[in-house]
Protein backbone atom coordinates (compact mmCIF):
# COMPACT_ATOMS: atom_id res chain seq x y z
CA UNK A 1 -49.85 47.04 -88.79
CA UNK A 2 -53.49 47.77 -88.11
CA UNK A 3 -54.22 44.12 -87.11
CA UNK A 4 -51.15 44.10 -84.83
CA UNK A 5 -52.37 47.25 -83.07
CA UNK A 6 -55.86 45.78 -82.70
CA UNK A 7 -54.45 42.51 -81.30
CA UNK A 8 -52.27 44.42 -78.84
CA UNK A 9 -55.23 46.54 -77.75
CA UNK A 10 -57.40 43.44 -77.17
CA UNK A 11 -54.59 41.77 -75.20
CA UNK A 12 -54.07 44.79 -72.95
CA UNK A 13 -57.81 45.11 -72.38
CA UNK A 14 -58.06 41.48 -71.25
CA UNK A 15 -55.01 41.86 -68.97
CA UNK A 16 -56.46 44.99 -67.38
CA UNK A 17 -59.79 43.23 -66.86
CA UNK A 18 -58.06 40.43 -64.94
CA UNK A 19 -55.98 42.85 -62.86
CA UNK A 20 -58.92 45.11 -62.08
CA UNK A 21 -61.16 42.22 -60.95
CA UNK A 22 -61.45 42.24 -57.15
CA UNK A 23 -59.54 39.44 -55.45
CA UNK A 24 -62.03 37.51 -53.33
CA UNK A 25 -60.21 34.38 -52.19
CA UNK A 26 -60.63 33.28 -48.57
CA UNK A 27 -61.67 36.38 -46.73
CA UNK A 28 -61.76 35.60 -43.01
CA UNK A 29 -65.27 36.90 -42.54
CA UNK A 30 -66.50 34.52 -45.24
CA UNK A 31 -64.27 31.42 -45.23
CA UNK A 32 -61.41 31.25 -42.74
CA UNK A 33 -61.82 30.87 -38.99
CA UNK A 34 -59.52 33.86 -38.41
CA UNK A 35 -57.41 36.36 -40.32
CA UNK A 36 -54.57 35.78 -37.81
CA UNK A 37 -52.69 33.14 -39.84
CA UNK A 38 -49.72 31.37 -38.23
CA UNK A 39 -48.68 28.99 -41.01
CA UNK A 40 -49.76 27.53 -44.35
CA UNK A 41 -48.95 23.98 -45.49
CA UNK A 42 -49.82 21.88 -48.55
CA UNK A 43 -50.02 18.15 -47.79
CA UNK A 44 -49.30 15.22 -50.08
CA UNK A 45 -52.97 15.09 -51.16
CA UNK A 46 -52.84 18.71 -52.33
CA UNK A 47 -54.91 20.05 -49.45
CA UNK A 48 -53.98 23.54 -48.25
CA UNK A 49 -53.92 23.77 -44.44
CA UNK A 50 -54.05 27.17 -42.78
CA UNK A 51 -53.38 27.38 -39.06
CA UNK A 52 -54.82 30.35 -37.24
CA UNK A 53 -55.31 31.62 -33.72
CA UNK A 54 -58.92 30.46 -33.89
CA UNK A 55 -58.87 27.03 -35.52
CA UNK A 56 -57.38 24.99 -38.35
CA UNK A 57 -58.66 25.42 -41.90
CA UNK A 58 -58.41 22.89 -44.75
CA UNK A 59 -58.95 24.11 -48.31
CA UNK A 60 -59.59 21.35 -50.87
CA UNK A 61 -59.69 23.64 -53.91
CA UNK A 62 -63.42 24.24 -53.63
CA UNK A 63 -64.39 24.74 -50.02
CA UNK A 64 -62.85 25.43 -46.63
CA UNK A 65 -63.41 23.01 -43.74
CA UNK A 66 -62.82 24.50 -40.29
CA UNK A 67 -61.61 22.37 -37.37
CA UNK A 68 -61.99 23.70 -33.83
CA UNK A 69 -61.81 22.43 -30.28
CA UNK A 70 -65.01 20.74 -29.11
CA UNK A 71 -65.38 20.50 -25.34
CA UNK A 72 -65.43 16.85 -24.21
CA UNK A 73 -64.25 15.46 -27.57
CA UNK A 74 -60.65 14.21 -27.31
CA UNK A 75 -60.63 13.66 -31.08
CA UNK A 76 -61.13 17.33 -31.87
CA UNK A 77 -58.38 19.91 -31.78
CA UNK A 78 -57.06 20.23 -28.24
CA UNK A 79 -56.92 24.03 -28.65
CA UNK A 80 -57.99 26.50 -31.33
CA UNK A 81 -54.63 28.32 -31.34
CA UNK A 82 -52.74 26.25 -33.95
CA UNK A 83 -49.11 27.24 -34.40
CA UNK A 84 -47.42 24.72 -36.70
CA UNK A 85 -48.09 21.83 -39.09
CA UNK A 86 -45.85 19.15 -40.57
CA UNK A 87 -46.29 15.99 -42.65
CA UNK A 88 -43.76 13.18 -42.23
CA UNK A 89 -42.52 10.76 -44.87
CA UNK A 90 -45.24 8.26 -43.88
CA UNK A 91 -48.00 10.82 -44.43
CA UNK A 92 -48.75 11.54 -40.76
CA UNK A 93 -49.96 15.13 -40.57
CA UNK A 94 -48.86 16.69 -37.26
CA UNK A 95 -50.60 19.68 -35.73
CA UNK A 96 -48.91 21.71 -33.00
CA UNK A 97 -51.37 23.77 -31.00
CA UNK A 98 -51.28 25.74 -27.78
CA UNK A 99 -51.98 22.60 -25.69
CA UNK A 100 -49.49 20.21 -27.33
CA UNK A 101 -49.09 17.91 -30.33
CA UNK A 102 -51.68 15.91 -32.24
CA UNK A 103 -51.92 14.41 -35.69
CA UNK A 104 -54.78 14.50 -38.17
CA UNK A 105 -56.32 11.11 -39.04
CA UNK A 106 -57.50 11.15 -42.63
CA UNK A 107 -59.54 7.95 -42.36
CA UNK A 108 -61.76 9.31 -39.58
CA UNK A 109 -61.40 13.05 -40.34
CA UNK A 110 -60.41 13.83 -36.76
CA UNK A 111 -57.36 14.24 -34.52
CA UNK A 112 -55.38 11.96 -32.25
CA UNK A 113 -55.40 12.57 -28.50
CA UNK A 114 -52.57 14.81 -27.28
CA UNK A 115 -49.07 13.34 -27.18
CA UNK A 116 -47.85 12.07 -23.83
CA UNK A 117 -44.66 11.05 -22.06
CA UNK A 118 -43.84 7.52 -20.85
CA UNK A 119 -45.50 8.15 -17.47
CA UNK A 120 -48.74 9.19 -19.18
CA UNK A 121 -48.49 12.92 -18.53
CA UNK A 122 -49.45 15.05 -21.46
CA UNK A 123 -46.87 17.10 -23.30
CA UNK A 124 -48.16 20.55 -22.35
CA UNK A 125 -45.96 22.49 -24.72
CA UNK A 126 -46.77 24.68 -27.67
CA UNK A 127 -44.79 23.17 -30.57
CA UNK A 128 -43.31 25.77 -32.86
CA UNK A 129 -41.28 23.51 -35.15
CA UNK A 130 -41.45 19.87 -36.26
CA UNK A 131 -38.88 18.10 -38.44
CA UNK A 132 -37.88 14.65 -39.58
CA UNK A 133 -34.31 13.38 -39.92
CA UNK A 134 -33.16 11.35 -42.94
CA UNK A 135 -33.36 8.24 -40.70
CA UNK A 136 -37.05 8.97 -40.05
CA UNK A 137 -36.84 10.26 -36.49
CA UNK A 138 -39.31 13.07 -35.75
CA UNK A 139 -38.39 15.92 -33.43
CA UNK A 140 -40.57 18.68 -32.02
CA UNK A 141 -39.38 21.92 -30.48
CA UNK A 142 -41.29 24.44 -28.47
CA UNK A 143 -40.85 24.83 -24.74
CA UNK A 144 -38.48 21.85 -25.00
CA UNK A 145 -37.06 19.57 -27.70
CA UNK A 146 -38.64 16.10 -27.82
CA UNK A 147 -38.63 13.06 -30.05
CA UNK A 148 -42.01 11.79 -31.25
CA UNK A 149 -42.96 8.17 -31.88
CA UNK A 150 -46.29 7.02 -33.24
CA UNK A 151 -47.49 3.94 -31.37
CA UNK A 152 -50.45 1.60 -31.34
CA UNK A 153 -51.52 1.91 -27.71
CA UNK A 154 -50.80 5.65 -27.51
CA UNK A 155 -50.98 7.58 -30.78
CA UNK A 156 -48.16 9.98 -29.86
CA UNK A 157 -45.37 9.00 -27.52
CA UNK A 158 -43.04 11.81 -26.53
CA UNK A 159 -39.44 11.32 -25.38
CA UNK A 160 -37.60 14.33 -23.91
């Protein structure tokens, strides 16, 4: 009985030590670009993506990488206000921000130019939802519902 009481006391002490330890994971003033989080997504590689109103954050299990708009660089985020993220069946990781739709390119660690319509005008909508049908078609909704196609000459081709 005495050893059972001692074991129980040691167990409770270790549990209380874990509970009492301050939680210090990803405080915005230390790691994230903003505490105003819009969405969280885990991609097929296990990366945790956190969209905020001041940039996109990627957590690889050890460190946080922050992506933000860079003036004059069409391969950076088009806008820091990132609303929504989605990964399709092919592994394309879409990012909907205040200026439109882009996708993250893993091989170059950057972003595609903004999606455009057939006449070349940019899709100036703020995507709030992206989905893929069982047939593989990708649809984006925001200010309007559009179908998205990934092409060779234009990375994102938008059809209203």
